[in-house]
Amino acid sequence: DSKKNRKKKAINTAMASQPQTSEDFGSFSEEIRRRIKTSPENGELHMALGMTLQQQDMQNHNGGINQPEALKAYENAIRLGVPDSSKVSLYLNTGILLTTMSRP
């Protein structure tokens, strides 16, 4: 039961820290980039960067300027590996990104 409560608290904390504005997304992606520099072999950080960049594009309606960097981040995450619980999101987001990038 306490394990469920800890998991719920962790999820709530993560959701509360999610970026809301374009400035938040920009600073959040910069923070992830800094963390990647200190832990370049962490596939989860690369996945988080890809997701943040993808969300930043949607938030800003900027025509997908972050797509190439997001794709590279997802490729790194796939190469380095992520926990099984993250694989569905990783492959789904990569597929969505490849689909939108292939449109004229």
N, C-alpha and C. Protein backbone atom coordinates (compact mmCIF):
# COMPACT_ATOMS: atom_id res chain seq x y z
N ASP A 1 0.83 -1.20 0.00
CA ASP A 1 0.00 0.00 0.00
C ASP A 1 0.87 1.26 0.00
N SER A 2 1.93 1.25 0.82
CA SER A 2 2.81 2.42 0.84
C SER A 2 3.56 2.55 -0.49
N LYS A 3 3.79 1.41 -1.15
CA LYS A 3 4.45 1.44 -2.45
C LYS A 3 3.53 2.15 -3.46
N LYS A 4 2.23 1.88 -3.40
CA LYS A 4 1.27 2.55 -4.27
C LYS A 4 1.26 4.05 -4.01
N ASN A 5 1.30 4.42 -2.73
CA ASN A 5 1.29 5.84 -2.38
C ASN A 5 2.55 6.55 -2.86
N ARG A 6 3.71 5.88 -2.74
CA ARG A 6 4.96 6.48 -3.22
C ARG A 6 4.91 6.68 -4.73
N LYS A 7 4.38 5.68 -5.44
CA LYS A 7 4.29 5.78 -6.89
C LYS A 7 3.35 6.92 -7.28
N LYS A 8 2.22 7.01 -6.59
CA LYS A 8 1.25 8.06 -6.88
C LYS A 8 1.87 9.44 -6.63
N LYS A 9 2.61 9.57 -5.53
CA LYS A 9 3.26 10.84 -5.19
C LYS A 9 4.30 11.20 -6.26
N ALA A 10 5.05 10.21 -6.71
CA ALA A 10 6.07 10.46 -7.74
C ALA A 10 5.41 10.93 -9.04
N ILE A 11 4.30 10.31 -9.40
CA ILE A 11 3.59 10.70 -10.62
C ILE A 11 3.05 12.12 -10.48
N ASN A 12 2.46 12.42 -9.32
CA ASN A 12 1.92 13.76 -9.10
C ASN A 12 3.02 14.81 -9.13
N THR A 13 4.17 14.50 -8.56
CA THR A 13 5.30 15.44 -8.57
C THR A 13 5.78 15.68 -10.00
N ALA A 14 5.87 14.61 -10.78
CA ALA A 14 6.31 14.74 -12.17
C ALA A 14 5.32 15.57 -12.98
N MET A 15 4.04 15.33 -12.75
CA MET A 15 3.03 16.07 -13.49
C MET A 15 3.05 17.55 -13.11
N ALA A 16 3.27 17.85 -11.84
CA ALA A 16 3.31 19.23 -11.39
C ALA A 16 4.50 19.98 -11.98
N SER A 17 5.58 19.26 -12.29
CA SER A 17 6.77 19.93 -12.80
C SER A 17 6.79 19.98 -14.33
N GLN A 18 5.75 19.49 -14.98
CA GLN A 18 5.71 19.52 -16.43
C GLN A 18 5.64 20.97 -16.92
N PRO A 19 6.36 21.29 -17.98
CA PRO A 19 6.33 22.65 -18.52
C PRO A 19 4.94 23.00 -19.03
N GLN A 20 4.58 24.26 -18.91
CA GLN A 20 3.26 24.71 -19.35
C GLN A 20 3.34 25.75 -20.47
N THR A 21 4.36 26.60 -20.47
CA THR A 21 4.49 27.65 -21.47
C THR A 21 5.69 27.36 -22.36
N SER A 22 5.80 28.12 -23.46
CA SER A 22 6.93 27.89 -24.36
C SER A 22 8.26 28.17 -23.65
N GLU A 23 8.26 29.16 -22.74
CA GLU A 23 9.49 29.44 -21.99
C GLU A 23 9.83 28.27 -21.07
N ASP A 24 8.78 27.68 -20.45
CA ASP A 24 9.00 26.52 -19.58
C ASP A 24 9.60 25.36 -20.37
N PHE A 25 9.06 25.12 -21.57
CA PHE A 25 9.57 24.03 -22.39
C PHE A 25 11.02 24.28 -22.77
N GLY A 26 11.34 25.52 -23.11
CA GLY A 26 12.71 25.86 -23.47
C GLY A 26 13.68 25.63 -22.33
N SER A 27 13.33 26.09 -21.14
CA SER A 27 14.24 25.90 -20.00
C SER A 27 14.28 24.43 -19.58
N PHE A 28 13.16 23.72 -19.71
CA PHE A 28 13.12 22.31 -19.37
C PHE A 28 14.02 21.51 -20.32
N SER A 29 13.96 21.81 -21.62
CA SER A 29 14.81 21.09 -22.57
C SER A 29 16.28 21.41 -22.34
N GLU A 30 16.58 22.65 -21.95
CA GLU A 30 17.97 23.01 -21.63
C GLU A 30 18.46 22.23 -20.42
N GLU A 31 17.61 22.07 -19.42
CA GLU A 31 17.98 21.31 -18.22
C GLU A 31 18.26 19.85 -18.60
N ILE A 32 17.43 19.28 -19.45
CA ILE A 32 17.64 17.89 -19.88
C ILE A 32 18.95 17.78 -20.65
N ARG A 33 19.24 18.74 -21.52
CA ARG A 33 20.51 18.72 -22.27
C ARG A 33 21.70 18.74 -21.32
N ARG A 34 21.62 19.55 -20.26
CA ARG A 34 22.71 19.59 -19.27
C ARG A 34 22.86 18.23 -18.59
N ARG A 35 21.75 17.61 -18.26
CA ARG A 35 21.82 16.30 -17.62
C ARG A 35 22.39 15.24 -18.56
N ILE A 36 22.07 15.35 -19.83
CA ILE A 36 22.61 14.40 -20.82
C ILE A 36 24.14 14.54 -20.90
N LYS A 37 24.64 15.76 -20.80
CA LYS A 37 26.09 15.96 -20.85
C LYS A 37 26.80 15.24 -19.71
N THR A 38 26.15 15.16 -18.54
CA THR A 38 26.77 14.48 -17.41
C THR A 38 26.47 12.99 -17.39
N SER A 39 25.39 12.57 -18.06
CA SER A 39 25.02 11.14 -18.12
C SER A 39 24.64 10.76 -19.55
N PRO A 40 25.59 10.80 -20.48
CA PRO A 40 25.26 10.58 -21.89
C PRO A 40 24.74 9.18 -22.21
N GLU A 41 24.95 8.23 -21.34
CA GLU A 41 24.51 6.86 -21.60
C GLU A 41 23.12 6.56 -21.04
N ASN A 42 22.42 7.57 -20.54
CA ASN A 42 21.10 7.39 -19.95
C ASN A 42 20.03 7.56 -21.04
N GLY A 43 19.50 6.44 -21.50
CA GLY A 43 18.50 6.46 -22.56
C GLY A 43 17.22 7.19 -22.17
N GLU A 44 16.88 7.14 -20.89
CA GLU A 44 15.67 7.83 -20.44
C GLU A 44 15.78 9.34 -20.58
N LEU A 45 16.97 9.89 -20.35
CA LEU A 45 17.17 11.33 -20.53
C LEU A 45 17.00 11.71 -22.00
N HIS A 46 17.54 10.90 -22.89
CA HIS A 46 17.39 11.17 -24.33
C HIS A 46 15.92 11.11 -24.73
N MET A 47 15.20 10.13 -24.19
CA MET A 47 13.77 10.02 -24.46
C MET A 47 13.04 11.25 -23.94
N ALA A 48 13.38 11.70 -22.74
CA ALA A 48 12.73 12.88 -22.16
C ALA A 48 12.99 14.12 -23.02
N LEU A 49 14.21 14.23 -23.55
CA LEU A 49 14.52 15.37 -24.42
C LEU A 49 13.67 15.31 -25.68
N GLY A 50 13.58 14.15 -26.30
CA GLY A 50 12.77 14.02 -27.51
C GLY A 50 11.31 14.39 -27.25
N MET A 51 10.77 13.91 -26.16
CA MET A 51 9.37 14.19 -25.83
C MET A 51 9.18 15.69 -25.56
N THR A 52 10.12 16.30 -24.85
CA THR A 52 10.01 17.72 -24.54
C THR A 52 10.08 18.57 -25.80
N LEU A 53 10.99 18.23 -26.70
CA LEU A 53 11.10 18.97 -27.95
C LEU A 53 9.85 18.81 -28.80
N GLN A 54 9.30 17.61 -28.82
CA GLN A 54 8.08 17.36 -29.58
C GLN A 54 6.92 18.18 -28.99
N GLN A 55 6.82 18.21 -27.67
CA GLN A 55 5.77 18.99 -27.01
C GLN A 55 5.98 20.49 -27.23
N GLN A 56 7.23 20.91 -27.24
CA GLN A 56 7.54 22.32 -27.47
C GLN A 56 7.06 22.74 -28.86
N ASP A 57 7.27 21.89 -29.86
CA ASP A 57 6.78 22.19 -31.20
C ASP A 57 5.26 22.34 -31.21
N MET A 58 4.57 21.43 -30.52
CA MET A 58 3.11 21.50 -30.49
C MET A 58 2.65 22.76 -29.75
N GLN A 59 3.30 23.09 -28.65
CA GLN A 59 2.94 24.26 -27.85
C GLN A 59 3.12 25.54 -28.66
N ASN A 60 4.20 25.61 -29.42
CA ASN A 60 4.55 26.84 -30.14
C ASN A 60 3.96 26.92 -31.54
N HIS A 61 3.39 25.82 -32.03
CA HIS A 61 2.86 25.77 -33.40
C HIS A 61 3.90 26.31 -34.39
N ASN A 62 5.12 25.81 -34.26
CA ASN A 62 6.23 26.38 -35.02
C ASN A 62 6.65 25.56 -36.23
N GLY A 63 5.80 24.68 -36.69
CA GLY A 63 6.12 23.93 -37.89
C GLY A 63 7.13 22.82 -37.71
N GLY A 64 7.39 22.44 -36.48
CA GLY A 64 8.26 21.29 -36.24
C GLY A 64 9.74 21.57 -36.32
N ILE A 65 10.17 22.75 -35.93
CA ILE A 65 11.60 23.07 -36.04
C ILE A 65 12.47 22.19 -35.15
N ASN A 66 11.87 21.59 -34.12
CA ASN A 66 12.64 20.73 -33.22
C ASN A 66 12.65 19.26 -33.64
N GLN A 67 11.96 18.93 -34.72
CA GLN A 67 11.82 17.53 -35.10
C GLN A 67 13.13 16.80 -35.34
N PRO A 68 14.08 17.36 -36.07
CA PRO A 68 15.34 16.62 -36.28
C PRO A 68 16.07 16.31 -34.97
N GLU A 69 16.10 17.28 -34.04
CA GLU A 69 16.77 17.04 -32.77
C GLU A 69 15.99 16.02 -31.94
N ALA A 70 14.65 16.10 -31.99
CA ALA A 70 13.82 15.13 -31.25
C ALA A 70 14.05 13.72 -31.79
N LEU A 71 14.12 13.58 -33.12
CA LEU A 71 14.36 12.26 -33.72
C LEU A 71 15.71 11.71 -33.29
N LYS A 72 16.73 12.55 -33.29
CA LYS A 72 18.07 12.12 -32.84
C LYS A 72 18.02 11.67 -31.38
N ALA A 73 17.28 12.39 -30.55
CA ALA A 73 17.15 12.01 -29.14
C ALA A 73 16.46 10.66 -29.01
N TYR A 74 15.41 10.44 -29.78
CA TYR A 74 14.71 9.14 -29.75
C TYR A 74 15.62 8.02 -30.25
N GLU A 75 16.38 8.29 -31.31
CA GLU A 75 17.31 7.27 -31.81
C GLU A 75 18.34 6.91 -30.74
N ASN A 76 18.83 7.90 -30.03
CA ASN A 76 19.77 7.64 -28.94
C ASN A 76 19.12 6.81 -27.84
N ALA A 77 17.88 7.14 -27.50
CA ALA A 77 17.16 6.39 -26.47
C ALA A 77 16.97 4.94 -26.87
N ILE A 78 16.63 4.71 -28.14
CA ILE A 78 16.46 3.34 -28.63
C ILE A 78 17.79 2.60 -28.57
N ARG A 79 18.85 3.25 -29.01
CA ARG A 79 20.19 2.63 -29.01
C ARG A 79 20.67 2.31 -27.60
N LEU A 80 20.45 3.25 -26.67
CA LEU A 80 20.93 3.08 -25.30
C LEU A 80 20.00 2.21 -24.45
N GLY A 81 18.74 2.19 -24.80
CA GLY A 81 17.76 1.40 -24.07
C GLY A 81 17.04 2.20 -23.00
N VAL A 82 15.81 1.82 -22.80
CA VAL A 82 14.96 2.41 -21.76
C VAL A 82 14.25 1.26 -21.05
N PRO A 83 13.70 1.50 -19.86
CA PRO A 83 12.96 0.42 -19.19
C PRO A 83 11.78 -0.05 -20.03
N ASP A 84 11.40 -1.30 -19.84
CA ASP A 84 10.28 -1.86 -20.60
C ASP A 84 9.04 -0.99 -20.49
N SER A 85 8.82 -0.39 -19.33
CA SER A 85 7.62 0.43 -19.13
C SER A 85 7.62 1.69 -19.99
N SER A 86 8.75 2.08 -20.53
CA SER A 86 8.84 3.28 -21.36
C SER A 86 8.89 2.97 -22.86
N LYS A 87 9.07 1.70 -23.20
CA LYS A 87 9.27 1.35 -24.61
C LYS A 87 8.09 1.68 -25.49
N VAL A 88 6.87 1.45 -25.02
CA VAL A 88 5.69 1.73 -25.84
C VAL A 88 5.64 3.22 -26.18
N SER A 89 5.83 4.08 -25.19
CA SER A 89 5.83 5.52 -25.43
C SER A 89 6.94 5.93 -26.38
N LEU A 90 8.11 5.36 -26.19
CA LEU A 90 9.25 5.69 -27.04
C LEU A 90 8.96 5.36 -28.50
N TYR A 91 8.50 4.15 -28.75
CA TYR A 91 8.25 3.74 -30.13
C TYR A 91 7.05 4.47 -30.73
N LEU A 92 6.04 4.72 -29.93
CA LEU A 92 4.87 5.46 -30.41
C LEU A 92 5.26 6.88 -30.79
N ASN A 93 5.98 7.56 -29.92
CA ASN A 93 6.39 8.93 -30.21
C ASN A 93 7.34 9.00 -31.40
N THR A 94 8.23 8.03 -31.52
CA THR A 94 9.13 7.99 -32.66
C THR A 94 8.33 7.81 -33.95
N GLY A 95 7.35 6.92 -33.92
CA GLY A 95 6.50 6.69 -35.10
C GLY A 95 5.71 7.93 -35.48
N ILE A 96 5.16 8.61 -34.50
CA ILE A 96 4.41 9.84 -34.77
C ILE A 96 5.33 10.89 -35.39
N LEU A 97 6.52 11.01 -34.82
CA LEU A 97 7.47 11.98 -35.33
C LEU A 97 7.89 11.66 -36.76
N LEU A 98 8.19 10.42 -37.04
CA LEU A 98 8.58 10.03 -38.41
C LEU A 98 7.44 10.29 -39.39
N THR A 99 6.21 10.04 -38.96
CA THR A 99 5.05 10.28 -39.81
C THR A 99 4.90 11.76 -40.12
N THR A 100 5.00 12.61 -39.11
CA THR A 100 4.84 14.05 -39.35
C THR A 100 6.01 14.61 -40.14
N MET A 101 7.19 14.06 -39.96
CA MET A 101 8.35 14.56 -40.70
C MET A 101 8.28 14.17 -42.18
N SER A 102 7.58 13.10 -42.50
CA SER A 102 7.52 12.64 -43.89
C SER A 102 6.45 13.40 -44.70
N ARG A 103 5.65 14.19 -44.04
CA ARG A 103 4.63 14.98 -44.76
C ARG A 103 5.27 16.20 -45.38
N PRO A 104 4.79 16.53 -46.59
CA PRO A 104 5.37 17.71 -47.26
C PRO A 104 5.02 19.02 -46.55
